[in-house]
Amino acid sequence: MTTKKLALPALVLLAAALAGWRLDLRALLACYLAAWWFVAGALLGGLANVWLHQLTGGAWGETIRGPLLRAARWLPLACLLFLPVLLGAPLLYPWQHGVAGEPDATFRHLWLSPAFFTGRSVGYLLLWSVLAIVETRARTRSAARAAMCLLAYGFSVSLAAVDWIMSLQPEWYSSVFGWLAGTGQMLTGLALAVLLIDRGAARGRLPDLGNLMMMYVLTWAYLAYVQFLIIWAADLPHEIAWYLRRGAPGWQAVAWVLVAGHFAGPLCILLSRHAKAAPALMGVLAGALLAAHLLDCWWLVLPSVPLVTHHWLWLAPLVAAGFGLLAWTALAVGRKEGAHA
């Protein structure tokens, strides 16, 4: 399918999602935040894998480097698309309504002041745009540059996850949430790379990519389980509230789907040496992991947003499909440029 044929339905889907503007603007913004976090995270996670390869070396990274760098060229544009979330922040974040201005404000209240929040958000977006521009235009590889970029990425993504996702429920906090977000992004970036490469031609490198993917799956599952175990065992009201919202019948089912689709299923497949060497199966697995991570983004965002109506049930897939088609159109353009280079 040509890029024009991909872009048209993407725009139609996003235009249809604008109906949510009149029906439930808060639900539309929440779905937009989840879809944006998924797409931007895939691009950022891909760049992080490029930096990781520059530090460690290995033939596996040569296979995915080109597609991921071409994808990263779109990261500055993706950062600009965060603007609707900043404009609609008072609808999404309950602490935006004068909480930080109280005389006895704590550090948490000072941190979550609207002006400081906006300034930090712009800083994250500018930093990621600069990192993407520097890496995609660099003519030489540098381990020192990669190390500094990885440190900047890890620190900024952890803070951004706290600001944009965790603070949807400002009474809740987790010390591993930033690590969990970064691991999910690097897993998503690697899964995207597996979809973008010619898996038949790169068959000899697929086992290495499968091993790295298995490491990300295990790390994500470990961090998610440790976070749940510690919070559930402590049973503190301000901490357990986050899981109580996700204990409702529908969201509880989503949690079990994530256990199966984001951890158990992929792990069982990746434990097989023959499965990791099968191009078709690795492509299916990469696509399934992307779908599971999108579900995880919905699970992170939507239950935390207060007073959201059930319009999110149709808005979430509509906005995600529009974002996904636009992203795939951009990646298809990059792939054509790479083929002609």
C-alpha atoms as a PDB file:
ATOM      1  CA  MET A   1       0.000   0.000   0.000  1.00  0.00           C
ATOM      2  CA  THR A   2       1.332   3.467  -0.941  1.00  0.00           C
ATOM      3  CA  THR A   3       2.001   6.125   1.638  1.00  0.00           C
ATOM      4  CA  LYS A   4      -0.906   8.232   0.343  1.00  0.00           C
ATOM      5  CA  LYS A   5      -3.298   5.312   0.776  1.00  0.00           C
ATOM      6  CA  LEU A   6      -2.025   4.866   4.339  1.00  0.00           C
ATOM      7  CA  ALA A   7      -2.193   8.538   5.269  1.00  0.00           C
ATOM      8  CA  LEU A   8      -5.788   9.058   4.102  1.00  0.00           C
ATOM      9  CA  PRO A   9      -7.460   6.516   6.417  1.00  0.00           C
ATOM     10  CA  ALA A  10      -5.240   7.721   9.281  1.00  0.00           C
ATOM     11  CA  LEU A  11      -6.549  11.269   8.862  1.00  0.00           C
ATOM     12  CA  VAL A  12     -10.122   9.980   8.542  1.00  0.00           C
ATOM     13  CA  LEU A  13      -9.785   8.024  11.802  1.00  0.00           C
ATOM     14  CA  LEU A  14      -8.336  10.995  13.668  1.00  0.00           C
ATOM     15  CA  ALA A  15     -11.062  13.265  12.261  1.00  0.00           C
ATOM     16  CA  ALA A  16     -13.702  10.790  13.451  1.00  0.00           C
ATOM     17  CA  ALA A  17     -12.114  10.759  16.894  1.00  0.00           C
ATOM     18  CA  LEU A  18     -12.684  14.528  17.091  1.00  0.00           C
ATOM     19  CA  ALA A  19     -16.341  13.701  17.718  1.00  0.00           C
ATOM     20  CA  GLY A  20     -15.174  12.999  21.235  1.00  0.00           C
ATOM     21  CA  TRP A  21     -14.482  16.732  21.572  1.00  0.00           C
ATOM     22  CA  ARG A  22     -18.200  17.318  22.095  1.00  0.00           C
ATOM     23  CA  LEU A  23     -19.009  14.021  23.828  1.00  0.00           C
ATOM     24  CA  ASP A  24     -16.193  13.790  26.388  1.00  0.00           C
ATOM     25  CA  LEU A  25     -13.142  15.981  25.904  1.00  0.00           C
ATOM     26  CA  ARG A  26     -11.432  14.486  28.949  1.00  0.00           C
ATOM     27  CA  ALA A  27     -11.744  10.954  27.534  1.00  0.00           C
ATOM     28  CA  LEU A  28     -10.419  12.145  24.170  1.00  0.00           C
ATOM     29  CA  LEU A  29      -7.369  13.744  25.802  1.00  0.00           C
ATOM     30  CA  ALA A  30      -6.720  10.641  27.909  1.00  0.00           C
ATOM     31  CA  CYS A  31      -6.835   8.404  24.830  1.00  0.00           C
ATOM     32  CA  TYR A  32      -4.606  10.861  22.987  1.00  0.00           C
ATOM     33  CA  LEU A  33      -2.047  10.823  25.827  1.00  0.00           C
ATOM     34  CA  ALA A  34      -1.954   7.008  25.870  1.00  0.00           C
ATOM     35  CA  ALA A  35      -1.544   6.757  22.074  1.00  0.00           C
ATOM     36  CA  TRP A  36       1.092   9.497  22.027  1.00  0.00           C
ATOM     37  CA  TRP A  37       3.050   7.845  24.860  1.00  0.00           C
ATOM     38  CA  PHE A  38       3.039   4.591  22.880  1.00  0.00           C
ATOM     39  CA  VAL A  39       4.225   6.095  19.571  1.00  0.00           C
ATOM     40  CA  ALA A  40       6.808   8.472  21.050  1.00  0.00           C
ATOM     41  CA  GLY A  41       8.023   5.696  23.337  1.00  0.00           C
ATOM     42  CA  ALA A  42       8.637   3.379  20.384  1.00  0.00           C
ATOM     43  CA  LEU A  43      10.771   6.028  18.658  1.00  0.00           C
ATOM     44  CA  LEU A  44      12.665   6.848  21.857  1.00  0.00           C
ATOM     45  CA  GLY A  45      13.145   3.174  22.697  1.00  0.00           C
ATOM     46  CA  GLY A  46      14.529   2.562  19.232  1.00  0.00           C
ATOM     47  CA  LEU A  47      17.106   5.315  19.699  1.00  0.00           C
ATOM     48  CA  ALA A  48      18.032   3.877  23.089  1.00  0.00           C
ATOM     49  CA  ASN A  49      18.749   0.521  21.435  1.00  0.00           C
ATOM     50  CA  VAL A  50      21.000   2.280  18.914  1.00  0.00           C
ATOM     51  CA  TRP A  51      22.957   3.893  21.763  1.00  0.00           C
ATOM     52  CA  LEU A  52      23.141   0.575  23.581  1.00  0.00           C
ATOM     53  CA  HIS A  53      24.692  -1.035  20.498  1.00  0.00           C
ATOM     54  CA  GLN A  54      27.219   1.771  20.151  1.00  0.00           C
ATOM     55  CA  LEU A  55      28.360   1.009  23.678  1.00  0.00           C
ATOM     56  CA  THR A  56      28.421  -2.784  23.468  1.00  0.00           C
ATOM     57  CA  GLY A  57      29.049  -3.559  19.798  1.00  0.00           C
ATOM     58  CA  GLY A  58      27.922  -6.712  18.041  1.00  0.00           C
ATOM     59  CA  ALA A  59      26.538  -7.641  14.646  1.00  0.00           C
ATOM     60  CA  TRP A  60      22.944  -7.581  15.919  1.00  0.00           C
ATOM     61  CA  GLY A  61      22.935  -3.796  16.099  1.00  0.00           C
ATOM     62  CA  GLU A  62      24.062  -3.326  12.506  1.00  0.00           C
ATOM     63  CA  THR A  63      20.853  -4.997  11.379  1.00  0.00           C
ATOM     64  CA  ILE A  64      18.505  -2.599  13.158  1.00  0.00           C
ATOM     65  CA  ARG A  65      20.568   0.599  13.196  1.00  0.00           C
ATOM     66  CA  GLY A  66      19.452   1.976   9.826  1.00  0.00           C
ATOM     67  CA  PRO A  67      15.679   1.485  10.271  1.00  0.00           C
ATOM     68  CA  LEU A  68      15.730   2.851  13.814  1.00  0.00           C
ATOM     69  CA  LEU A  69      17.703   5.965  12.875  1.00  0.00           C
ATOM     70  CA  ARG A  70      15.317   6.641   9.981  1.00  0.00           C
ATOM     71  CA  ALA A  71      12.398   6.253  12.384  1.00  0.00           C
ATOM     72  CA  ALA A  72      14.042   8.595  14.903  1.00  0.00           C
ATOM     73  CA  ARG A  73      14.022  11.423  12.363  1.00  0.00           C
ATOM     74  CA  TRP A  74      10.309  11.761  13.091  1.00  0.00           C
ATOM     75  CA  LEU A  75      10.804  12.160  16.843  1.00  0.00           C
ATOM     76  CA  PRO A  76      10.888  16.003  16.814  1.00  0.00           C
ATOM     77  CA  LEU A  77       7.523  16.010  15.032  1.00  0.00           C
ATOM     78  CA  ALA A  78       6.175  13.491  17.539  1.00  0.00           C
ATOM     79  CA  CYS A  79       7.300  15.811  20.341  1.00  0.00           C
ATOM     80  CA  LEU A  80       5.317  18.671  18.802  1.00  0.00           C
ATOM     81  CA  LEU A  81       2.218  16.483  18.894  1.00  0.00           C
ATOM     82  CA  PHE A  82       2.314  16.578  22.690  1.00  0.00           C
ATOM     83  CA  LEU A  83       0.966  20.140  22.579  1.00  0.00           C
ATOM     84  CA  PRO A  84      -2.736  19.101  22.953  1.00  0.00           C
ATOM     85  CA  VAL A  85      -1.891  17.346  26.227  1.00  0.00           C
ATOM     86  CA  LEU A  86      -0.251  20.493  27.613  1.00  0.00           C
ATOM     87  CA  LEU A  87      -3.212  22.614  26.549  1.00  0.00           C
ATOM     88  CA  GLY A  88      -5.675  20.158  28.094  1.00  0.00           C
ATOM     89  CA  ALA A  89      -3.664  19.461  31.256  1.00  0.00           C
ATOM     90  CA  PRO A  90      -6.281  21.002  33.614  1.00  0.00           C
ATOM     91  CA  LEU A  91      -8.777  18.374  32.437  1.00  0.00           C
ATOM     92  CA  LEU A  92      -6.396  15.455  32.940  1.00  0.00           C
ATOM     93  CA  TYR A  93      -4.449  16.324  36.087  1.00  0.00           C
ATOM     94  CA  PRO A  94      -6.477  17.043  39.255  1.00  0.00           C
ATOM     95  CA  TRP A  95      -3.553  18.851  40.938  1.00  0.00           C
ATOM     96  CA  GLN A  96      -3.719  21.608  38.282  1.00  0.00           C
ATOM     97  CA  HIS A  97      -6.572  23.337  40.136  1.00  0.00           C
ATOM     98  CA  GLY A  98      -4.769  25.451  42.702  1.00  0.00           C
ATOM     99  CA  VAL A  99      -3.316  22.666  44.846  1.00  0.00           C
ATOM    100  CA  ALA A 100       0.249  23.912  44.465  1.00  0.00           C
ATOM    101  CA  GLY A 101      -0.636  27.382  45.661  1.00  0.00           C
ATOM    102  CA  GLU A 102      -1.571  26.454  49.227  1.00  0.00           C
ATOM    103  CA  PRO A 103       0.524  28.155  51.931  1.00  0.00           C
ATOM    104  CA  ASP A 104       1.623  24.838  53.442  1.00  0.00           C
ATOM    105  CA  ALA A 105       2.607  23.340  50.101  1.00  0.00           C
ATOM    106  CA  THR A 106       5.024  20.445  50.331  1.00  0.00           C
ATOM    107  CA  PHE A 107       7.765  19.645  47.862  1.00  0.00           C
ATOM    108  CA  ARG A 108       5.315  17.418  45.984  1.00  0.00           C
ATOM    109  CA  HIS A 109       2.896  20.318  45.617  1.00  0.00           C
ATOM    110  CA  LEU A 110       5.673  22.633  44.492  1.00  0.00           C
ATOM    111  CA  TRP A 111       6.861  20.058  41.957  1.00  0.00           C
ATOM    112  CA  LEU A 112       3.333  19.714  40.572  1.00  0.00           C
ATOM    113  CA  SER A 113       2.727  23.405  40.007  1.00  0.00           C
ATOM    114  CA  PRO A 114       1.269  24.081  36.515  1.00  0.00           C
ATOM    115  CA  ALA A 115       4.048  26.454  35.408  1.00  0.00           C
ATOM    116  CA  PHE A 116       6.855  24.159  36.567  1.00  0.00           C
ATOM    117  CA  PHE A 117       5.090  21.155  35.000  1.00  0.00           C
ATOM    118  CA  THR A 118       4.827  22.931  31.639  1.00  0.00           C
ATOM    119  CA  GLY A 119       8.450  24.054  31.779  1.00  0.00           C
ATOM    120  CA  ARG A 120       9.708  20.558  32.553  1.00  0.00           C
ATOM    121  CA  SER A 121       7.532  19.065  29.810  1.00  0.00           C
ATOM    122  CA  VAL A 122       8.926  21.462  27.219  1.00  0.00           C
ATOM    123  CA  GLY A 123      12.419  20.640  28.465  1.00  0.00           C
ATOM    124  CA  TYR A 124      11.903  16.884  27.994  1.00  0.00           C
ATOM    125  CA  LEU A 125      10.531  17.385  24.488  1.00  0.00           C
ATOM    126  CA  LEU A 126      13.361  19.719  23.474  1.00  0.00           C
ATOM    127  CA  LEU A 127      15.965  17.329  24.898  1.00  0.00           C
ATOM    128  CA  TRP A 128      14.578  14.338  23.000  1.00  0.00           C
ATOM    129  CA  SER A 129      14.351  16.344  19.790  1.00  0.00           C
ATOM    130  CA  VAL A 130      17.976  17.458  20.136  1.00  0.00           C
ATOM    131  CA  LEU A 131      19.142  13.914  20.911  1.00  0.00           C
ATOM    132  CA  ALA A 132      17.329  12.590  17.840  1.00  0.00           C
ATOM    133  CA  ILE A 133      18.705  15.305  15.558  1.00  0.00           C
ATOM    134  CA  VAL A 134      22.268  14.855  16.840  1.00  0.00           C
ATOM    135  CA  GLU A 135      22.237  11.064  16.471  1.00  0.00           C
ATOM    136  CA  THR A 136      20.522  10.901  13.087  1.00  0.00           C
ATOM    137  CA  ARG A 137      22.869  13.511  11.601  1.00  0.00           C
ATOM    138  CA  ALA A 138      26.077  12.248  13.182  1.00  0.00           C
ATOM    139  CA  ARG A 139      28.617  11.058  10.625  1.00  0.00           C
ATOM    140  CA  THR A 140      30.629   8.985  13.066  1.00  0.00           C
ATOM    141  CA  ARG A 141      29.799   6.732  15.973  1.00  0.00           C
ATOM    142  CA  SER A 142      30.934   7.609  19.459  1.00  0.00           C
ATOM    143  CA  ALA A 143      30.716   5.469  22.577  1.00  0.00           C
ATOM    144  CA  ALA A 144      31.068   8.590  24.740  1.00  0.00           C
ATOM    145  CA  ARG A 145      28.182  10.296  22.954  1.00  0.00           C
ATOM    146  CA  ALA A 146      26.083   7.151  23.263  1.00  0.00           C
ATOM    147  CA  ALA A 147      26.772   6.926  27.004  1.00  0.00           C
ATOM    148  CA  MET A 148      25.770  10.555  27.592  1.00  0.00           C
ATOM    149  CA  CYS A 149      22.650  10.149  25.440  1.00  0.00           C
ATOM    150  CA  LEU A 150      21.616   7.005  27.327  1.00  0.00           C
ATOM    151  CA  LEU A 151      22.045   8.765  30.664  1.00  0.00           C
ATOM    152  CA  ALA A 152      20.040  11.758  29.465  1.00  0.00           C
ATOM    153  CA  TYR A 153      17.370   9.443  28.049  1.00  0.00           C
ATOM    154  CA  GLY A 154      17.050   7.362  31.218  1.00  0.00           C
ATOM    155  CA  PHE A 155      16.856  10.366  33.523  1.00  0.00           C
ATOM    156  CA  SER A 156      14.406  12.365  31.387  1.00  0.00           C
ATOM    157  CA  VAL A 157      12.084   9.464  30.569  1.00  0.00           C
ATOM    158  CA  SER A 158      11.854   8.523  34.246  1.00  0.00           C
ATOM    159  CA  LEU A 159      10.873  12.069  35.164  1.00  0.00           C
ATOM    160  CA  ALA A 160       8.474  12.364  32.222  1.00  0.00           C
ATOM    161  CA  ALA A 161       6.742   9.125  33.235  1.00  0.00           C
ATOM    162  CA  VAL A 162       6.286  10.519  36.745  1.00  0.00           C
ATOM    163  CA  ASP A 163       5.012  13.878  35.461  1.00  0.00           C
ATOM    164  CA  TRP A 164       2.727  12.720  32.663  1.00  0.00           C
ATOM    165  CA  ILE A 165       1.517   9.291  33.802  1.00  0.00           C
ATOM    166  CA  MET A 166       2.033   8.848  37.546  1.00  0.00           C
ATOM    167  CA  SER A 167       0.748  12.317  38.448  1.00  0.00           C
ATOM    168  CA  LEU A 168      -2.635  11.510  36.920  1.00  0.00           C
ATOM    169  CA  GLN A 169      -3.130  10.083  40.423  1.00  0.00           C
ATOM    170  CA  PRO A 170      -1.021  12.536  42.447  1.00  0.00           C
ATOM    171  CA  GLU A 171      -1.503  10.671  45.721  1.00  0.00           C
ATOM    172  CA  TRP A 172       0.262   7.600  44.292  1.00  0.00           C
ATOM    173  CA  TYR A 173       3.970   7.064  43.754  1.00  0.00           C
ATOM    174  CA  SER A 174       6.376   4.244  42.928  1.00  0.00           C
ATOM    175  CA  SER A 175      10.159   4.347  42.957  1.00  0.00           C
ATOM    176  CA  VAL A 176      10.473   1.907  40.028  1.00  0.00           C
ATOM    177  CA  PHE A 177       7.840   3.444  37.753  1.00  0.00           C
ATOM    178  CA  GLY A 178      10.382   5.363  35.669  1.00  0.00           C
ATOM    179  CA  TRP A 179      12.524   2.247  35.146  1.00  0.00           C
ATOM    180  CA  LEU A 180       9.399   0.328  34.159  1.00  0.00           C
ATOM    181  CA  ALA A 181       8.465   2.976  31.602  1.00  0.00           C
ATOM    182  CA  GLY A 182      11.959   3.037  30.082  1.00  0.00           C
ATOM    183  CA  THR A 183      12.155  -0.756  29.831  1.00  0.00           C
ATOM    184  CA  GLY A 184       8.783  -0.838  28.107  1.00  0.00           C
ATOM    185  CA  GLN A 185       9.974   1.746  25.603  1.00  0.00           C
ATOM    186  CA  MET A 186      13.171  -0.136  24.789  1.00  0.00           C
ATOM    187  CA  LEU A 187      11.173  -3.346  24.319  1.00  0.00           C
ATOM    188  CA  THR A 188       8.763  -1.514  22.020  1.00  0.00           C
ATOM    189  CA  GLY A 189      11.625   0.044  20.060  1.00  0.00           C
ATOM    190  CA  LEU A 190      13.236  -3.349  19.512  1.00  0.00           C
ATOM    191  CA  ALA A 191       9.915  -4.906  18.481  1.00  0.00           C
ATOM    192  CA  LEU A 192       9.445  -2.059  15.987  1.00  0.00           C
ATOM    193  CA  ALA A 193      12.940  -2.682  14.611  1.00  0.00           C
ATOM    194  CA  VAL A 194      12.165  -6.390  14.066  1.00  0.00           C
ATOM    195  CA  LEU A 195       9.099  -5.386  12.058  1.00  0.00           C
ATOM    196  CA  LEU A 196      11.024  -2.859   9.959  1.00  0.00           C
ATOM    197  CA  ILE A 197      14.019  -4.995   8.963  1.00  0.00           C
ATOM    198  CA  ASP A 198      14.138  -7.583   6.191  1.00  0.00           C
ATOM    199  CA  ARG A 199      13.869 -10.594   8.476  1.00  0.00           C
ATOM    200  CA  GLY A 200      14.664 -13.054   5.713  1.00  0.00           C
ATOM    201  CA  ALA A 201      17.954 -11.359   4.882  1.00  0.00           C
ATOM    202  CA  ALA A 202      18.736 -10.887   8.591  1.00  0.00           C
ATOM    203  CA  ARG A 203      17.875 -14.450   9.583  1.00  0.00           C
ATOM    204  CA  GLY A 204      21.295 -15.045  11.112  1.00  0.00           C
ATOM    205  CA  ARG A 205      20.862 -12.087  13.486  1.00  0.00           C
ATOM    206  CA  LEU A 206      17.317 -12.921  14.590  1.00  0.00           C
ATOM    207  CA  PRO A 207      18.420 -15.178  17.502  1.00  0.00           C
ATOM    208  CA  ASP A 208      20.503 -12.318  18.914  1.00  0.00           C
ATOM    209  CA  LEU A 209      17.578  -9.921  18.600  1.00  0.00           C
ATOM    210  CA  GLY A 210      15.332 -12.559  20.173  1.00  0.00           C
ATOM    211  CA  ASN A 211      17.679 -12.900  23.143  1.00  0.00           C
ATOM    212  CA  LEU A 212      17.715  -9.145  23.667  1.00  0.00           C
ATOM    213  CA  MET A 213      13.941  -9.052  23.359  1.00  0.00           C
ATOM    214  CA  MET A 214      13.650 -11.809  25.976  1.00  0.00           C
ATOM    215  CA  MET A 215      15.838  -9.776  28.337  1.00  0.00           C
ATOM    216  CA  TYR A 216      13.519  -6.784  27.971  1.00  0.00           C
ATOM    217  CA  VAL A 217      10.429  -8.954  28.507  1.00  0.00           C
ATOM    218  CA  LEU A 218      11.899 -10.436  31.695  1.00  0.00           C
ATOM    219  CA  THR A 219      13.056  -7.050  33.012  1.00  0.00           C
ATOM    220  CA  TRP A 220       9.671  -5.432  32.365  1.00  0.00           C
ATOM    221  CA  ALA A 221       7.868  -8.322  34.076  1.00  0.00           C
ATOM    222  CA  TYR A 222      10.248  -8.275  37.055  1.00  0.00           C
ATOM    223  CA  LEU A 223       9.841  -4.538  37.637  1.00  0.00           C
ATOM    224  CA  ALA A 224       6.057  -4.705  37.237  1.00  0.00           C
ATOM    225  CA  TYR A 225       5.818  -7.607  39.685  1.00  0.00           C
ATOM    226  CA  VAL A 226       8.142  -6.037  42.268  1.00  0.00           C
ATOM    227  CA  GLN A 227       6.163  -2.791  42.136  1.00  0.00           C
ATOM    228  CA  PHE A 228       2.896  -4.679  42.651  1.00  0.00           C
ATOM    229  CA  LEU A 229       4.277  -6.934  45.388  1.00  0.00           C
ATOM    230  CA  ILE A 230       5.767  -4.150  47.503  1.00  0.00           C
ATOM    231  CA  ILE A 231       2.743  -1.869  47.230  1.00  0.00           C
ATOM    232  CA  TRP A 232       0.217  -4.639  47.827  1.00  0.00           C
ATOM    233  CA  ALA A 233       2.135  -6.003  50.815  1.00  0.00           C
ATOM    234  CA  ALA A 234       2.475  -2.557  52.425  1.00  0.00           C
ATOM    235  CA  ASP A 235      -1.242  -1.867  51.826  1.00  0.00           C
ATOM    236  CA  LEU A 236      -0.903   1.882  52.360  1.00  0.00           C
ATOM    237  CA  PRO A 237      -3.998   3.826  51.239  1.00  0.00           C
ATOM    238  CA  HIS A 238      -2.106   6.378  49.122  1.00  0.00           C
ATOM    239  CA  GLU A 239      -0.169   3.611  47.328  1.00  0.00           C
ATOM    240  CA  ILE A 240      -2.765   0.874  46.943  1.00  0.00           C
ATOM    241  CA  ALA A 241      -5.262   3.319  45.365  1.00  0.00           C
ATOM    242  CA  TRP A 242      -3.540   2.921  41.994  1.00  0.00           C
ATOM    243  CA  TYR A 243      -4.135  -0.846  41.933  1.00  0.00           C
ATOM    244  CA  LEU A 244      -7.633  -0.558  43.388  1.00  0.00           C
ATOM    245  CA  ARG A 245      -8.749   1.400  40.311  1.00  0.00           C
ATOM    246  CA  ARG A 246      -7.318  -1.381  38.164  1.00  0.00           C
ATOM    247  CA  GLY A 247      -9.028  -4.042  40.264  1.00  0.00           C
ATOM    248  CA  ALA A 248     -12.399  -3.383  38.662  1.00  0.00           C
ATOM    249  CA  PRO A 249     -13.631  -6.395  36.605  1.00  0.00           C
ATOM    250  CA  GLY A 250     -12.780  -4.932  33.205  1.00  0.00           C
ATOM    251  CA  TRP A 251      -9.344  -3.608  34.112  1.00  0.00           C
ATOM    252  CA  GLN A 252      -8.527  -6.746  36.072  1.00  0.00           C
ATOM    253  CA  ALA A 253      -9.081  -8.725  32.867  1.00  0.00           C
ATOM    254  CA  VAL A 254      -6.729  -6.337  31.073  1.00  0.00           C
ATOM    255  CA  ALA A 255      -4.084  -7.048  33.719  1.00  0.00           C
ATOM    256  CA  TRP A 256      -4.303 -10.779  33.034  1.00  0.00           C
ATOM    257  CA  VAL A 257      -4.082 -10.159  29.292  1.00  0.00           C
ATOM    258  CA  LEU A 258      -0.889  -8.182  29.926  1.00  0.00           C
ATOM    259  CA  VAL A 259       0.537 -11.027  32.013  1.00  0.00           C
ATOM    260  CA  ALA A 260      -0.111 -13.402  29.113  1.00  0.00           C
ATOM    261  CA  GLY A 261       0.660 -11.134  26.156  1.00  0.00           C
ATOM    262  CA  HIS A 262       3.430  -8.944  27.522  1.00  0.00           C
ATOM    263  CA  PHE A 263       5.268 -11.622  29.490  1.00  0.00           C
ATOM    264  CA  ALA A 264       4.259 -15.311  29.585  1.00  0.00           C
ATOM    265  CA  GLY A 265       3.454 -15.857  25.905  1.00  0.00           C
ATOM    266  CA  PRO A 266       6.480 -13.989  24.484  1.00  0.00           C
ATOM    267  CA  LEU A 267       8.778 -15.662  27.025  1.00  0.00           C
ATOM    268  CA  CYS A 268       7.621 -19.166  26.065  1.00  0.00           C
ATOM    269  CA  ILE A 269       8.248 -18.388  22.388  1.00  0.00           C
ATOM    270  CA  LEU A 270      11.616 -16.714  22.947  1.00  0.00           C
ATOM    271  CA  LEU A 271      12.895 -19.636  25.009  1.00  0.00           C
ATOM    272  CA  SER A 272      12.859 -21.689  21.804  1.00  0.00           C
ATOM    273  CA  ARG A 273      15.996 -21.447  19.672  1.00  0.00           C
ATOM    274  CA  HIS A 274      14.071 -22.473  16.564  1.00  0.00           C
ATOM    275  CA  ALA A 275      11.354 -19.877  17.160  1.00  0.00           C
ATOM    276  CA  LYS A 276      13.921 -17.079  17.405  1.00  0.00           C
ATOM    277  CA  ALA A 277      15.371 -18.110  14.049  1.00  0.00           C
ATOM    278  CA  ALA A 278      11.992 -18.123  12.248  1.00  0.00           C
ATOM    279  CA  PRO A 279      11.483 -14.805  10.381  1.00  0.00           C
ATOM    280  CA  ALA A 280       7.692 -15.098  10.121  1.00  0.00           C
ATOM    281  CA  LEU A 281       7.210 -16.037  13.767  1.00  0.00           C
ATOM    282  CA  MET A 282       9.507 -13.239  14.963  1.00  0.00           C
ATOM    283  CA  GLY A 283       7.489 -10.773  12.900  1.00  0.00           C
ATOM    284  CA  VAL A 284       4.237 -11.968  14.434  1.00  0.00           C
ATOM    285  CA  LEU A 285       5.758 -11.841  17.926  1.00  0.00           C
ATOM    286  CA  ALA A 286       7.037  -8.295  17.382  1.00  0.00           C
ATOM    287  CA  GLY A 287       3.598  -7.171  16.245  1.00  0.00           C
ATOM    288  CA  ALA A 288       1.968  -8.889  19.226  1.00  0.00           C
ATOM    289  CA  LEU A 289       4.368  -7.171  21.641  1.00  0.00           C
ATOM    290  CA  LEU A 290       3.553  -3.786  20.112  1.00  0.00           C
ATOM    291  CA  ALA A 291      -0.164  -4.493  20.572  1.00  0.00           C
ATOM    292  CA  ALA A 292       0.436  -5.627  24.167  1.00  0.00           C
ATOM    293  CA  HIS A 293       2.401  -2.489  24.954  1.00  0.00           C
ATOM    294  CA  LEU A 294      -0.373  -0.307  23.530  1.00  0.00           C
ATOM    295  CA  LEU A 295      -2.756  -2.111  25.883  1.00  0.00           C
ATOM    296  CA  ASP A 296      -0.293  -1.422  28.695  1.00  0.00           C
ATOM    297  CA  CYS A 297      -0.324   2.298  27.832  1.00  0.00           C
ATOM    298  CA  TRP A 298      -4.131   2.308  28.061  1.00  0.00           C
ATOM    299  CA  TRP A 299      -3.889   0.439  31.370  1.00  0.00           C
ATOM    300  CA  LEU A 300      -1.448   3.011  32.735  1.00  0.00           C
ATOM    301  CA  VAL A 301      -3.399   6.100  31.673  1.00  0.00           C
ATOM    302  CA  LEU A 302      -7.138   5.554  31.409  1.00  0.00           C
ATOM    303  CA  PRO A 303      -8.042   4.222  34.899  1.00  0.00           C
ATOM    304  CA  SER A 304      -6.104   7.096  36.476  1.00  0.00           C
ATOM    305  CA  VAL A 305      -8.052   9.882  34.760  1.00  0.00           C
ATOM    306  CA  PRO A 306     -10.976  11.015  36.929  1.00  0.00           C
ATOM    307  CA  LEU A 307     -14.560  11.316  35.670  1.00  0.00           C
ATOM    308  CA  VAL A 308     -13.934   9.658  32.304  1.00  0.00           C
ATOM    309  CA  THR A 309     -17.079   8.313  30.642  1.00  0.00           C
ATOM    310  CA  HIS A 310     -17.308   5.064  28.685  1.00  0.00           C
ATOM    311  CA  HIS A 311     -16.723   6.956  25.431  1.00  0.00           C
ATOM    312  CA  TRP A 312     -13.075   5.933  25.832  1.00  0.00           C
ATOM    313  CA  LEU A 313     -14.093   2.427  24.712  1.00  0.00           C
ATOM    314  CA  TRP A 314     -14.399   3.623  21.113  1.00  0.00           C
ATOM    315  CA  LEU A 315     -12.119   6.662  21.302  1.00  0.00           C
ATOM    316  CA  ALA A 316      -9.041   4.711  22.478  1.00  0.00           C
ATOM    317  CA  PRO A 317      -8.853   2.299  19.499  1.00  0.00           C
ATOM    318  CA  LEU A 318      -9.832   5.063  17.065  1.00  0.00           C
ATOM    319  CA  VAL A 319      -7.114   7.481  18.209  1.00  0.00           C
ATOM    320  CA  ALA A 320      -4.541   4.670  18.435  1.00  0.00           C
ATOM    321  CA  ALA A 321      -5.367   3.453  14.928  1.00  0.00           C
ATOM    322  CA  GLY A 322      -5.039   6.983  13.541  1.00  0.00           C
ATOM    323  CA  PHE A 323      -1.704   7.502  15.306  1.00  0.00           C
ATOM    324  CA  GLY A 324      -0.507   4.068  14.219  1.00  0.00           C
ATOM    325  CA  LEU A 325      -1.334   4.577  10.552  1.00  0.00           C
ATOM    326  CA  LEU A 326       0.300   8.004  10.523  1.00  0.00           C
ATOM    327  CA  ALA A 327       3.404   6.565  12.180  1.00  0.00           C
ATOM    328  CA  TRP A 328       3.554   3.651   9.741  1.00  0.00           C
ATOM    329  CA  THR A 329       3.180   6.119   6.838  1.00  0.00           C
ATOM    330  CA  ALA A 330       6.152   8.091   8.136  1.00  0.00           C
ATOM    331  CA  LEU A 331       8.178   4.901   8.568  1.00  0.00           C
ATOM    332  CA  ALA A 332       7.276   3.793   5.044  1.00  0.00           C
ATOM    333  CA  VAL A 333       8.607   7.092   3.707  1.00  0.00           C
ATOM    334  CA  GLY A 334      11.834   6.533   5.647  1.00  0.00           C
ATOM    335  CA  ARG A 335      12.109   2.997   4.304  1.00  0.00           C
ATOM    336  CA  LYS A 336      11.831   4.247   0.719  1.00  0.00           C
ATOM    337  CA  GLU A 337      14.492   6.864   1.371  1.00  0.00           C
ATOM    338  CA  GLY A 338      16.738   4.169   2.821  1.00  0.00           C
ATOM    339  CA  ALA A 339      16.213   1.954  -0.213  1.00  0.00           C
ATOM    340  CA  HIS A 340      17.166   4.764  -2.591  1.00  0.00           C
ATOM    341  CA  ALA A 341      20.186   5.823  -0.519  1.00  0.00           C
END
